């Protein structure tokens, strides 16, 4: 059954319009915090 029929709201982060340098910085920060297998 589709999500919309079950009254479930899908939310997320859309980073497509975020400048590349900000996305790279975010990935570098995550790589420093999380184990590589989790990324």
C-alpha atoms as a PDB file:
ATOM      1  CA  UNK A   1       0.000   0.000   0.000  1.00  0.00           C
ATOM      2  CA  UNK A   2       1.450   3.434  -0.882  1.00  0.00           C
ATOM      3  CA  UNK A   3       2.662   5.634   1.959  1.00  0.00           C
ATOM      4  CA  UNK A   4       0.172   8.391   1.166  1.00  0.00           C
ATOM      5  CA  UNK A   5      -2.756   6.034   1.717  1.00  0.00           C
ATOM      6  CA  UNK A   6      -1.465   5.143   5.169  1.00  0.00           C
ATOM      7  CA  UNK A   7      -1.094   8.800   6.207  1.00  0.00           C
ATOM      8  CA  UNK A   8       2.701   8.539   6.471  1.00  0.00           C
ATOM      9  CA  UNK A   9       4.746  11.654   5.786  1.00  0.00           C
ATOM     10  CA  UNK A  10       8.130  11.121   4.139  1.00  0.00           C
ATOM     11  CA  UNK A  11      10.626  13.780   5.175  1.00  0.00           C
ATOM     12  CA  UNK A  12      14.258  14.182   4.322  1.00  0.00           C
ATOM     13  CA  UNK A  13      17.048  16.520   3.413  1.00  0.00           C
ATOM     14  CA  UNK A  14      17.500  17.686  -0.162  1.00  0.00           C
ATOM     15  CA  UNK A  15      21.117  18.675  -0.700  1.00  0.00           C
ATOM     16  CA  UNK A  16      21.044  18.998  -4.489  1.00  0.00           C
ATOM     17  CA  UNK A  17      20.930  22.789  -4.354  1.00  0.00           C
ATOM     18  CA  UNK A  18      23.567  23.036  -1.616  1.00  0.00           C
ATOM     19  CA  UNK A  19      26.920  24.311  -2.920  1.00  0.00           C
ATOM     20  CA  UNK A  20      29.490  21.579  -3.525  1.00  0.00           C
ATOM     21  CA  UNK A  21      31.994  22.930  -0.992  1.00  0.00           C
ATOM     22  CA  UNK A  22      29.384  22.771   1.793  1.00  0.00           C
ATOM     23  CA  UNK A  23      28.464  19.178   0.881  1.00  0.00           C
ATOM     24  CA  UNK A  24      32.129  18.171   0.842  1.00  0.00           C
ATOM     25  CA  UNK A  25      32.641  19.752   4.257  1.00  0.00           C
ATOM     26  CA  UNK A  26      29.610  17.895   5.623  1.00  0.00           C
ATOM     27  CA  UNK A  27      30.885  14.535   4.288  1.00  0.00           C
ATOM     28  CA  UNK A  28      34.341  15.198   5.738  1.00  0.00           C
ATOM     29  CA  UNK A  29      32.817  15.946   9.144  1.00  0.00           C
ATOM     30  CA  UNK A  30      30.699  12.783   9.003  1.00  0.00           C
ATOM     31  CA  UNK A  31      33.737  10.734   7.987  1.00  0.00           C
ATOM     32  CA  UNK A  32      35.537  12.000  11.088  1.00  0.00           C
ATOM     33  CA  UNK A  33      32.659  11.056  13.390  1.00  0.00           C
ATOM     34  CA  UNK A  34      31.243   7.825  11.949  1.00  0.00           C
ATOM     35  CA  UNK A  35      32.859   4.555  11.011  1.00  0.00           C
ATOM     36  CA  UNK A  36      33.385   4.325   7.243  1.00  0.00           C
ATOM     37  CA  UNK A  37      31.132   1.243   7.040  1.00  0.00           C
ATOM     38  CA  UNK A  38      28.191   3.339   8.260  1.00  0.00           C
ATOM     39  CA  UNK A  39      28.542   5.886   5.470  1.00  0.00           C
END
